[in-house]
Amino acid sequence: MLGRLPHMNMFSIPSNEDELLADKTAQQLKITHFLKTSFAVLSDGEKQLVMIGRALMQNTPLVLMDEPAAYLDIVNRYELSLLLKRIADETGKLIICSTHQMERLEHDSDGMLIIADQKMKLYSDKSEFKNVVHQSFGIV
């Protein structure tokens, strides 16, 4: 529910809508079994999924995530990338993620924003992604 705090005042209790959103988000992330678990006892990957849920619970048109797949095993990393793409497609949210996981970039995103030499450029032609990354980072 911490993701709903911006929508509440200090005396508010979560609404039925908040509860439904929490359940839906937990189901999407496959973390319903964490809803009654203390955050402190979760693994790093489990905490990462909970924090992503918290971001999604804010229900904003833009979601900015820094390395959302960090600490996740390969299965959860793959499922998260599919989920974020599906959420963006279904809701029209703009989801921007920084990543070092370049191998799935052309499958999981509609565009790639490269910041290099104090310039920012958006690439939407997926066939260019690999070459742009190689050129931007001096990979031969």
Protein backbone atom coordinates (compact mmCIF):
# COMPACT_ATOMS: atom_id res chain seq x y z
CA MET A 1 0.00 0.00 0.00
CA LEU A 2 2.98 2.35 0.28
CA GLY A 3 2.59 3.09 -3.42
CA ARG A 4 -0.84 4.58 -2.68
CA LEU A 5 0.45 7.06 -0.07
CA PRO A 6 0.68 9.96 -2.56
CA HIS A 7 -3.08 9.58 -3.06
CA MET A 8 -3.94 9.62 0.64
CA ASN A 9 -3.69 12.01 3.56
CA MET A 10 -2.20 11.09 6.92
CA PHE A 11 -5.57 10.04 8.31
CA SER A 12 -6.65 7.94 5.34
CA ILE A 13 -7.10 4.23 5.31
CA PRO A 14 -6.80 2.28 2.07
CA SER A 15 -10.02 2.32 0.06
CA ASN A 16 -11.63 -0.71 -1.57
CA GLU A 17 -10.17 0.57 -4.84
CA ASP A 18 -6.69 0.63 -3.26
CA GLU A 19 -7.17 -2.94 -2.02
CA LEU A 20 -8.30 -4.11 -5.48
CA LEU A 21 -5.34 -2.39 -7.12
CA ALA A 22 -2.96 -4.04 -4.64
CA ASP A 23 -4.42 -7.47 -5.36
CA LYS A 24 -4.30 -6.91 -9.13
CA THR A 25 -0.71 -5.66 -9.00
CA ALA A 26 0.39 -8.57 -6.78
CA GLN A 27 -1.28 -11.03 -9.15
CA GLN A 28 0.41 -9.45 -12.18
CA LEU A 29 3.80 -9.74 -10.47
CA LYS A 30 2.98 -13.19 -9.06
CA ILE A 31 3.73 -12.03 -5.53
CA THR A 32 0.36 -12.51 -3.80
CA HIS A 33 2.06 -14.81 -1.29
CA PHE A 34 4.16 -11.81 -0.12
CA LEU A 35 1.17 -9.64 0.82
CA LYS A 36 1.23 -10.73 4.47
CA THR A 37 5.01 -11.17 4.69
CA SER A 38 7.41 -8.75 6.33
CA PHE A 39 9.56 -6.95 3.76
CA ALA A 40 12.62 -7.55 5.95
CA VAL A 41 12.54 -11.32 5.46
CA LEU A 42 12.27 -11.25 1.65
CA SER A 43 15.21 -12.05 -0.62
CA ASP A 44 16.71 -9.25 -2.73
CA GLY A 45 14.83 -10.45 -5.82
CA GLU A 46 11.56 -10.65 -3.89
CA LYS A 47 12.13 -7.13 -2.53
CA GLN A 48 12.76 -5.93 -6.07
CA LEU A 49 9.40 -7.31 -7.23
CA VAL A 50 7.64 -5.68 -4.26
CA MET A 51 9.28 -2.32 -5.06
CA ILE A 52 8.15 -2.62 -8.69
CA GLY A 53 4.64 -3.30 -7.40
CA ARG A 54 4.90 -0.20 -5.23
CA ALA A 55 5.81 1.89 -8.29
CA LEU A 56 2.93 0.44 -10.30
CA MET A 57 0.51 1.06 -7.41
CA GLN A 58 1.07 4.81 -7.78
CA ASN A 59 -0.99 4.50 -10.96
CA THR A 60 0.81 7.26 -12.86
CA PRO A 61 0.97 7.74 -16.64
CA LEU A 62 4.78 7.59 -16.47
CA VAL A 63 6.83 4.98 -14.63
CA LEU A 64 10.60 5.48 -14.42
CA MET A 65 12.60 2.49 -13.18
CA ASP A 66 16.31 2.10 -12.60
CA GLU A 67 17.41 -1.46 -13.37
CA PRO A 68 14.07 -3.09 -12.49
CA ALA A 69 15.42 -6.56 -13.30
CA ALA A 70 18.36 -6.25 -10.89
CA TYR A 71 18.50 -9.13 -8.39
CA LEU A 72 15.97 -11.16 -10.38
CA ASP A 73 16.71 -14.63 -11.67
CA ILE A 74 16.46 -15.26 -15.40
CA VAL A 75 12.83 -16.49 -15.26
CA ASN A 76 11.58 -13.48 -13.26
CA ARG A 77 13.67 -11.12 -15.41
CA TYR A 78 11.99 -12.49 -18.54
CA GLU A 79 8.50 -12.45 -17.02
CA LEU A 80 9.00 -8.90 -15.73
CA SER A 81 10.03 -7.65 -19.16
CA LEU A 82 6.91 -9.20 -20.72
CA LEU A 83 4.71 -7.78 -17.95
CA LEU A 84 6.07 -4.23 -18.25
CA LYS A 85 5.61 -4.33 -22.03
CA ARG A 86 2.06 -5.64 -21.65
CA ILE A 87 1.19 -2.98 -19.04
CA ALA A 88 2.56 -0.24 -21.31
CA ASP A 89 0.64 -1.58 -24.30
CA GLU A 90 -2.64 -2.10 -22.43
CA THR A 91 -2.68 1.08 -20.36
CA GLY A 92 -0.79 3.55 -22.52
CA LYS A 93 1.66 4.18 -19.68
CA LEU A 94 5.13 5.31 -20.66
CA ILE A 95 7.52 2.95 -18.87
CA ILE A 96 11.16 3.98 -19.00
CA CYS A 97 13.74 1.57 -17.63
CA SER A 98 17.49 1.90 -17.43
CA THR A 99 19.16 -1.42 -18.06
CA HIS A 100 22.41 -3.23 -18.60
CA GLN A 101 20.49 -6.20 -20.00
CA MET A 102 20.92 -5.37 -23.68
CA GLU A 103 20.18 -8.85 -25.01
CA ARG A 104 16.38 -8.48 -24.77
CA LEU A 105 16.13 -4.79 -25.58
CA GLU A 106 14.76 -5.16 -29.09
CA HIS A 107 12.17 -7.71 -27.91
CA ASP A 108 10.97 -5.88 -24.82
CA SER A 109 10.88 -2.22 -25.82
CA ASP A 110 9.44 0.08 -28.41
CA GLY A 111 12.39 2.44 -28.28
CA MET A 112 15.83 3.01 -26.92
CA LEU A 113 17.05 6.29 -25.48
CA ILE A 114 20.82 6.70 -25.62
CA ILE A 115 22.57 9.42 -23.69
CA ALA A 116 26.13 9.92 -24.94
CA ASP A 117 28.45 12.87 -25.42
CA GLN A 118 26.01 15.11 -23.52
CA LYS A 119 23.30 14.38 -26.11
CA MET A 120 20.14 12.34 -25.90
CA LYS A 121 18.66 10.48 -28.86
CA LEU A 122 15.66 8.18 -29.20
CA TYR A 123 15.86 5.19 -31.52
CA SER A 124 12.71 3.34 -32.51
CA ASP A 125 14.04 1.16 -35.34
CA LYS A 126 14.75 -2.09 -33.52
CA SER A 127 17.09 -3.26 -36.26
CA GLU A 128 19.44 -0.41 -35.26
CA PHE A 129 19.53 -1.15 -31.53
CA LYS A 130 22.53 -3.47 -31.48
CA ASN A 131 24.67 -1.27 -33.72
CA VAL A 132 23.73 1.90 -31.83
CA VAL A 133 24.68 0.32 -28.50
CA HIS A 134 27.99 -0.91 -29.92
CA GLN A 135 28.79 2.50 -31.40
CA SER A 136 27.74 4.40 -28.27
CA PHE A 137 29.95 2.32 -26.02
CA GLY A 138 32.86 1.82 -28.41
CA ILE A 139 32.31 -1.92 -28.80
CA VAL A 140 33.95 -3.27 -31.92
